[in-house]
């Protein structure tokens, strides 16, 4: 005996993708939504955070370019906001010459500011050259604002990082100034100022002298 309140049964064989899409839209309207296993469930919807993406080493800039192209072609500008390869200016002193270039701070990693959900996760994760997000299990972990600020400030620093080819305790030759052609021992490095303190043997005594990195060279 049938009841007027009995719910109709659904023929699973006649269930189509269009029906499934209709039901999904109905769930969203009802406020139930769809589960997002990759998203941070504690973060408010629509809030962007910074995530670390692991890439093949040496492919950081290529991944940045590929991801930016995908963002534009897939219309994801509202969810994936910025893609950054952390770099800093580095001055290398070699053979008395000063060479300036941009150095990757975290080789093999790219930072992405994004609103994390299944859609944005998919776009980033499936970008050529990306091997995954940094996080716990399948859930990417966002960086703290303090960590982000430190990285961005490092990129914008006015004082470049100085890289030299000699170390403390190493013997070098002075190439400029009143002690030119003297041999000296490196006593201390001051990379933030581009200076080095060396010990020069003068009249049988070791005299500490501070000079510019360009005034000494390895032997």
C-alpha atoms as a PDB file:
ATOM      1  CA  UNK A   1       0.000   0.000   0.000  1.00  0.00           C
ATOM      2  CA  UNK A   2       1.530   3.310  -1.062  1.00  0.00           C
ATOM      3  CA  UNK A   3       1.699   6.443   1.058  1.00  0.00           C
ATOM      4  CA  UNK A   4       1.156   9.984  -0.226  1.00  0.00           C
ATOM      5  CA  UNK A   5       4.228  11.174   1.779  1.00  0.00           C
ATOM      6  CA  UNK A   6       6.585   8.551   0.383  1.00  0.00           C
ATOM      7  CA  UNK A   7       9.668  10.129  -1.302  1.00  0.00           C
ATOM      8  CA  UNK A   8      10.141   9.204  -4.962  1.00  0.00           C
ATOM      9  CA  UNK A   9      12.993   6.842  -5.779  1.00  0.00           C
ATOM     10  CA  UNK A  10      15.725   7.810  -8.261  1.00  0.00           C
ATOM     11  CA  UNK A  11      16.726   5.573 -11.099  1.00  0.00           C
ATOM     12  CA  UNK A  12      20.532   5.524 -10.791  1.00  0.00           C
ATOM     13  CA  UNK A  13      20.930   4.398 -14.397  1.00  0.00           C
ATOM     14  CA  UNK A  14      19.116   7.506 -15.671  1.00  0.00           C
ATOM     15  CA  UNK A  15      21.106   9.929 -13.441  1.00  0.00           C
ATOM     16  CA  UNK A  16      23.117  12.270 -15.686  1.00  0.00           C
ATOM     17  CA  UNK A  17      25.961  14.740 -15.163  1.00  0.00           C
ATOM     18  CA  UNK A  18      23.463  17.527 -15.742  1.00  0.00           C
ATOM     19  CA  UNK A  19      21.334  16.212 -12.877  1.00  0.00           C
ATOM     20  CA  UNK A  20      24.416  16.062 -10.645  1.00  0.00           C
ATOM     21  CA  UNK A  21      25.335  19.663 -11.500  1.00  0.00           C
ATOM     22  CA  UNK A  22      21.782  20.767 -10.720  1.00  0.00           C
ATOM     23  CA  UNK A  23      21.892  19.053  -7.335  1.00  0.00           C
ATOM     24  CA  UNK A  24      25.302  20.615  -6.557  1.00  0.00           C
ATOM     25  CA  UNK A  25      23.929  24.085  -7.308  1.00  0.00           C
ATOM     26  CA  UNK A  26      20.960  23.344  -5.057  1.00  0.00           C
ATOM     27  CA  UNK A  27      23.336  22.344  -2.243  1.00  0.00           C
ATOM     28  CA  UNK A  28      25.219  25.605  -2.571  1.00  0.00           C
ATOM     29  CA  UNK A  29      21.987  27.575  -2.399  1.00  0.00           C
ATOM     30  CA  UNK A  30      20.984  25.628   0.691  1.00  0.00           C
ATOM     31  CA  UNK A  31      24.316  26.561   2.288  1.00  0.00           C
ATOM     32  CA  UNK A  32      25.684  23.032   2.449  1.00  0.00           C
ATOM     33  CA  UNK A  33      28.340  23.453  -0.273  1.00  0.00           C
ATOM     34  CA  UNK A  34      30.867  20.892  -1.415  1.00  0.00           C
ATOM     35  CA  UNK A  35      33.648  19.456   0.773  1.00  0.00           C
ATOM     36  CA  UNK A  36      37.090  20.944   0.124  1.00  0.00           C
ATOM     37  CA  UNK A  37      39.687  18.562   1.523  1.00  0.00           C
ATOM     38  CA  UNK A  38      42.633  20.701   0.419  1.00  0.00           C
ATOM     39  CA  UNK A  39      41.439  24.011   1.871  1.00  0.00           C
ATOM     40  CA  UNK A  40      42.132  25.367   5.306  1.00  0.00           C
ATOM     41  CA  UNK A  41      38.685  24.994   6.860  1.00  0.00           C
ATOM     42  CA  UNK A  42      39.504  27.434   9.657  1.00  0.00           C
ATOM     43  CA  UNK A  43      40.250  30.324   7.276  1.00  0.00           C
ATOM     44  CA  UNK A  44      37.291  32.582   6.414  1.00  0.00           C
ATOM     45  CA  UNK A  45      36.006  32.186   2.860  1.00  0.00           C
ATOM     46  CA  UNK A  46      37.531  34.755   0.507  1.00  0.00           C
ATOM     47  CA  UNK A  47      40.598  35.533   2.645  1.00  0.00           C
ATOM     48  CA  UNK A  48      43.910  35.304   0.792  1.00  0.00           C
ATOM     49  CA  UNK A  49      47.020  33.832   2.412  1.00  0.00           C
ATOM     50  CA  UNK A  50      50.544  33.045   1.271  1.00  0.00           C
ATOM     51  CA  UNK A  51      51.497  29.456   0.475  1.00  0.00           C
ATOM     52  CA  UNK A  52      54.811  27.853  -0.446  1.00  0.00           C
ATOM     53  CA  UNK A  53      54.897  25.800  -3.647  1.00  0.00           C
ATOM     54  CA  UNK A  54      57.693  23.325  -4.325  1.00  0.00           C
ATOM     55  CA  UNK A  55      59.112  23.261  -7.855  1.00  0.00           C
ATOM     56  CA  UNK A  56      61.836  21.496  -9.755  1.00  0.00           C
ATOM     57  CA  UNK A  57      65.125  23.203  -8.915  1.00  0.00           C
ATOM     58  CA  UNK A  58      66.038  25.809 -11.503  1.00  0.00           C
ATOM     59  CA  UNK A  59      62.450  26.040 -12.808  1.00  0.00           C
ATOM     60  CA  UNK A  60      61.228  28.721 -10.378  1.00  0.00           C
ATOM     61  CA  UNK A  61      60.900  31.523 -12.947  1.00  0.00           C
ATOM     62  CA  UNK A  62      59.401  29.169 -15.536  1.00  0.00           C
ATOM     63  CA  UNK A  63      56.803  28.016 -13.007  1.00  0.00           C
ATOM     64  CA  UNK A  64      55.983  31.651 -12.185  1.00  0.00           C
ATOM     65  CA  UNK A  65      55.440  32.424 -15.867  1.00  0.00           C
ATOM     66  CA  UNK A  66      53.374  29.261 -16.466  1.00  0.00           C
ATOM     67  CA  UNK A  67      51.179  29.880 -13.430  1.00  0.00           C
ATOM     68  CA  UNK A  68      50.573  33.530 -14.338  1.00  0.00           C
ATOM     69  CA  UNK A  69      49.472  32.424 -17.806  1.00  0.00           C
ATOM     70  CA  UNK A  70      47.087  29.851 -16.320  1.00  0.00           C
ATOM     71  CA  UNK A  71      45.653  32.451 -13.941  1.00  0.00           C
ATOM     72  CA  UNK A  72      44.804  34.696 -16.873  1.00  0.00           C
ATOM     73  CA  UNK A  73      43.462  32.070 -19.270  1.00  0.00           C
ATOM     74  CA  UNK A  74      41.389  30.363 -16.549  1.00  0.00           C
ATOM     75  CA  UNK A  75      40.088  33.608 -15.089  1.00  0.00           C
ATOM     76  CA  UNK A  76      41.551  33.041 -11.614  1.00  0.00           C
ATOM     77  CA  UNK A  77      42.718  36.613 -10.933  1.00  0.00           C
ATOM     78  CA  UNK A  78      40.249  36.905  -8.048  1.00  0.00           C
ATOM     79  CA  UNK A  79      41.598  33.840  -6.230  1.00  0.00           C
ATOM     80  CA  UNK A  80      45.302  33.682  -7.133  1.00  0.00           C
ATOM     81  CA  UNK A  81      46.635  37.175  -6.524  1.00  0.00           C
ATOM     82  CA  UNK A  82      50.450  37.113  -6.624  1.00  0.00           C
ATOM     83  CA  UNK A  83      53.221  34.720  -7.637  1.00  0.00           C
ATOM     84  CA  UNK A  84      56.665  35.553  -6.256  1.00  0.00           C
ATOM     85  CA  UNK A  85      60.113  33.997  -6.704  1.00  0.00           C
ATOM     86  CA  UNK A  86      62.020  35.300  -3.645  1.00  0.00           C
ATOM     87  CA  UNK A  87      65.309  36.862  -4.739  1.00  0.00           C
ATOM     88  CA  UNK A  88      67.808  39.330  -3.350  1.00  0.00           C
ATOM     89  CA  UNK A  89      70.522  41.462  -4.884  1.00  0.00           C
ATOM     90  CA  UNK A  90      73.963  39.958  -4.447  1.00  0.00           C
ATOM     91  CA  UNK A  91      77.324  41.554  -5.126  1.00  0.00           C
ATOM     92  CA  UNK A  92      80.114  39.064  -5.754  1.00  0.00           C
ATOM     93  CA  UNK A  93      83.738  40.121  -5.379  1.00  0.00           C
ATOM     94  CA  UNK A  94      85.992  37.995  -7.579  1.00  0.00           C
ATOM     95  CA  UNK A  95      89.425  38.778  -8.999  1.00  0.00           C
ATOM     96  CA  UNK A  96      89.082  42.376  -7.889  1.00  0.00           C
ATOM     97  CA  UNK A  97      85.857  42.819  -9.846  1.00  0.00           C
ATOM     98  CA  UNK A  98      82.383  43.599  -8.462  1.00  0.00           C
ATOM     99  CA  UNK A  99      79.572  41.656 -10.157  1.00  0.00           C
ATOM    100  CA  UNK A 100      75.907  42.290  -9.285  1.00  0.00           C
ATOM    101  CA  UNK A 101      73.096  39.803  -9.874  1.00  0.00           C
ATOM    102  CA  UNK A 102      69.793  38.572  -8.428  1.00  0.00           C
ATOM    103  CA  UNK A 103      70.107  35.458  -6.273  1.00  0.00           C
ATOM    104  CA  UNK A 104      67.235  33.091  -5.437  1.00  0.00           C
ATOM    105  CA  UNK A 105      66.696  33.090  -1.684  1.00  0.00           C
ATOM    106  CA  UNK A 106      64.886  29.715  -1.580  1.00  0.00           C
ATOM    107  CA  UNK A 107      65.932  27.586  -4.569  1.00  0.00           C
ATOM    108  CA  UNK A 108      63.147  25.197  -5.560  1.00  0.00           C
ATOM    109  CA  UNK A 109      60.329  27.222  -4.009  1.00  0.00           C
ATOM    110  CA  UNK A 110      57.789  29.809  -5.173  1.00  0.00           C
ATOM    111  CA  UNK A 111      55.415  31.858  -3.010  1.00  0.00           C
ATOM    112  CA  UNK A 112      51.766  32.212  -4.024  1.00  0.00           C
ATOM    113  CA  UNK A 113      49.205  34.559  -2.466  1.00  0.00           C
ATOM    114  CA  UNK A 114      45.817  32.943  -2.989  1.00  0.00           C
ATOM    115  CA  UNK A 115      42.351  32.191  -1.657  1.00  0.00           C
ATOM    116  CA  UNK A 116      42.641  28.459  -1.042  1.00  0.00           C
ATOM    117  CA  UNK A 117      39.846  26.227  -2.299  1.00  0.00           C
ATOM    118  CA  UNK A 118      39.590  23.183  -4.576  1.00  0.00           C
ATOM    119  CA  UNK A 119      39.584  25.271  -7.747  1.00  0.00           C
ATOM    120  CA  UNK A 120      42.605  27.448  -6.933  1.00  0.00           C
ATOM    121  CA  UNK A 121      44.472  24.438  -5.498  1.00  0.00           C
ATOM    122  CA  UNK A 122      43.925  22.554  -8.755  1.00  0.00           C
ATOM    123  CA  UNK A 123      45.174  25.429 -10.923  1.00  0.00           C
ATOM    124  CA  UNK A 124      48.403  25.826  -8.923  1.00  0.00           C
ATOM    125  CA  UNK A 125      49.071  22.142  -8.283  1.00  0.00           C
ATOM    126  CA  UNK A 126      48.719  21.194 -11.951  1.00  0.00           C
ATOM    127  CA  UNK A 127      50.999  23.936 -13.263  1.00  0.00           C
ATOM    128  CA  UNK A 128      53.939  22.391 -15.187  1.00  0.00           C
ATOM    129  CA  UNK A 129      57.025  22.267 -12.976  1.00  0.00           C
ATOM    130  CA  UNK A 130      55.109  22.280  -9.667  1.00  0.00           C
ATOM    131  CA  UNK A 131      55.652  19.191  -7.499  1.00  0.00           C
ATOM    132  CA  UNK A 132      53.361  20.138  -4.619  1.00  0.00           C
ATOM    133  CA  UNK A 133      52.476  22.478  -1.790  1.00  0.00           C
ATOM    134  CA  UNK A 134      54.434  22.668   1.451  1.00  0.00           C
ATOM    135  CA  UNK A 135      52.143  21.481   4.222  1.00  0.00           C
ATOM    136  CA  UNK A 136      50.886  18.607   6.318  1.00  0.00           C
ATOM    137  CA  UNK A 137      49.497  15.713   4.316  1.00  0.00           C
ATOM    138  CA  UNK A 138      47.065  16.947   1.658  1.00  0.00           C
ATOM    139  CA  UNK A 139      46.416  20.279   3.388  1.00  0.00           C
ATOM    140  CA  UNK A 140      48.745  23.155   2.429  1.00  0.00           C
ATOM    141  CA  UNK A 141      49.848  25.262   5.376  1.00  0.00           C
ATOM    142  CA  UNK A 142      49.886  29.053   4.912  1.00  0.00           C
ATOM    143  CA  UNK A 143      52.818  31.199   6.019  1.00  0.00           C
ATOM    144  CA  UNK A 144      52.358  33.522   8.955  1.00  0.00           C
ATOM    145  CA  UNK A 145      52.230  37.240   8.157  1.00  0.00           C
ATOM    146  CA  UNK A 146      55.505  37.681  10.062  1.00  0.00           C
ATOM    147  CA  UNK A 147      57.236  35.162   7.801  1.00  0.00           C
ATOM    148  CA  UNK A 148      55.841  36.824   4.685  1.00  0.00           C
ATOM    149  CA  UNK A 149      56.946  40.289   5.840  1.00  0.00           C
ATOM    150  CA  UNK A 150      60.514  39.088   6.479  1.00  0.00           C
ATOM    151  CA  UNK A 151      60.784  37.550   3.005  1.00  0.00           C
ATOM    152  CA  UNK A 152      59.362  40.577   1.195  1.00  0.00           C
ATOM    153  CA  UNK A 153      61.539  42.984   3.204  1.00  0.00           C
ATOM    154  CA  UNK A 154      64.587  40.911   2.339  1.00  0.00           C
ATOM    155  CA  UNK A 155      63.720  41.223  -1.362  1.00  0.00           C
ATOM    156  CA  UNK A 156      63.309  44.993  -1.090  1.00  0.00           C
ATOM    157  CA  UNK A 157      66.455  45.625   0.984  1.00  0.00           C
ATOM    158  CA  UNK A 158      68.525  48.529  -0.326  1.00  0.00           C
ATOM    159  CA  UNK A 159      71.797  47.040   0.907  1.00  0.00           C
ATOM    160  CA  UNK A 160      72.791  44.106  -1.348  1.00  0.00           C
ATOM    161  CA  UNK A 161      74.207  40.879   0.019  1.00  0.00           C
ATOM    162  CA  UNK A 162      77.997  40.719  -0.401  1.00  0.00           C
ATOM    163  CA  UNK A 163      79.549  37.455  -1.496  1.00  0.00           C
ATOM    164  CA  UNK A 164      83.308  37.077  -1.306  1.00  0.00           C
ATOM    165  CA  UNK A 165      85.641  34.278  -2.337  1.00  0.00           C
ATOM    166  CA  UNK A 166      87.880  34.388   0.754  1.00  0.00           C
ATOM    167  CA  UNK A 167      87.319  33.283   4.350  1.00  0.00           C
ATOM    168  CA  UNK A 168      88.555  34.140   7.840  1.00  0.00           C
ATOM    169  CA  UNK A 169      92.080  32.782   8.362  1.00  0.00           C
ATOM    170  CA  UNK A 170      92.893  32.786   4.650  1.00  0.00           C
ATOM    171  CA  UNK A 171      95.913  34.621   3.264  1.00  0.00           C
ATOM    172  CA  UNK A 172      95.132  37.336   0.712  1.00  0.00           C
ATOM    173  CA  UNK A 173      97.030  39.945  -1.276  1.00  0.00           C
ATOM    174  CA  UNK A 174      96.316  43.649  -0.825  1.00  0.00           C
ATOM    175  CA  UNK A 175      95.906  45.259  -4.250  1.00  0.00           C
ATOM    176  CA  UNK A 176      95.161  48.894  -3.354  1.00  0.00           C
ATOM    177  CA  UNK A 177      96.220  51.532  -0.851  1.00  0.00           C
ATOM    178  CA  UNK A 178      99.416  52.102   1.131  1.00  0.00           C
ATOM    179  CA  UNK A 179      99.827  48.352   1.755  1.00  0.00           C
ATOM    180  CA  UNK A 180      99.496  47.350  -1.912  1.00  0.00           C
ATOM    181  CA  UNK A 181     101.284  44.056  -2.719  1.00  0.00           C
ATOM    182  CA  UNK A 182     101.508  43.163   0.996  1.00  0.00           C
ATOM    183  CA  UNK A 183     100.289  39.720   2.080  1.00  0.00           C
ATOM    184  CA  UNK A 184      97.728  39.658   4.878  1.00  0.00           C
ATOM    185  CA  UNK A 185      95.521  37.249   6.818  1.00  0.00           C
ATOM    186  CA  UNK A 186      91.758  37.732   6.894  1.00  0.00           C
ATOM    187  CA  UNK A 187      90.752  38.440  10.492  1.00  0.00           C
ATOM    188  CA  UNK A 188      87.056  39.347  10.178  1.00  0.00           C
ATOM    189  CA  UNK A 189      84.433  39.993   7.492  1.00  0.00           C
ATOM    190  CA  UNK A 190      81.814  42.761   7.564  1.00  0.00           C
ATOM    191  CA  UNK A 191      79.578  41.887   4.587  1.00  0.00           C
ATOM    192  CA  UNK A 192      76.871  44.371   5.558  1.00  0.00           C
ATOM    193  CA  UNK A 193      79.442  47.153   5.035  1.00  0.00           C
ATOM    194  CA  UNK A 194      81.471  45.545   2.277  1.00  0.00           C
ATOM    195  CA  UNK A 195      84.558  45.633   4.506  1.00  0.00           C
ATOM    196  CA  UNK A 196      87.204  43.186   5.662  1.00  0.00           C
ATOM    197  CA  UNK A 197      89.714  43.436   8.504  1.00  0.00           C
ATOM    198  CA  UNK A 198      93.080  41.890   7.738  1.00  0.00           C
ATOM    199  CA  UNK A 199      96.264  41.427   9.744  1.00  0.00           C
ATOM    200  CA  UNK A 200      99.258  42.926   7.984  1.00  0.00           C
ATOM    201  CA  UNK A 201     102.790  41.986   9.082  1.00  0.00           C
ATOM    202  CA  UNK A 202     104.557  45.341   9.449  1.00  0.00           C
ATOM    203  CA  UNK A 203     107.981  45.795  11.114  1.00  0.00           C
ATOM    204  CA  UNK A 204     107.662  42.359  12.704  1.00  0.00           C
ATOM    205  CA  UNK A 205     104.212  43.065  14.142  1.00  0.00           C
ATOM    206  CA  UNK A 206     100.733  42.129  12.941  1.00  0.00           C
ATOM    207  CA  UNK A 207      98.712  45.275  12.433  1.00  0.00           C
ATOM    208  CA  UNK A 208      94.900  45.074  11.937  1.00  0.00           C
ATOM    209  CA  UNK A 209      93.750  47.090   8.931  1.00  0.00           C
ATOM    210  CA  UNK A 210      90.171  47.514   7.719  1.00  0.00           C
ATOM    211  CA  UNK A 211      89.611  47.924   3.994  1.00  0.00           C
ATOM    212  CA  UNK A 212      87.103  47.444   1.213  1.00  0.00           C
ATOM    213  CA  UNK A 213      86.533  43.982  -0.254  1.00  0.00           C
ATOM    214  CA  UNK A 214      87.836  45.273  -3.588  1.00  0.00           C
ATOM    215  CA  UNK A 215      91.201  46.119  -2.034  1.00  0.00           C
ATOM    216  CA  UNK A 216      92.146  42.478  -1.444  1.00  0.00           C
ATOM    217  CA  UNK A 217      92.191  39.338  -3.555  1.00  0.00           C
ATOM    218  CA  UNK A 218      92.791  35.623  -3.102  1.00  0.00           C
ATOM    219  CA  UNK A 219      96.198  34.204  -3.952  1.00  0.00           C
END
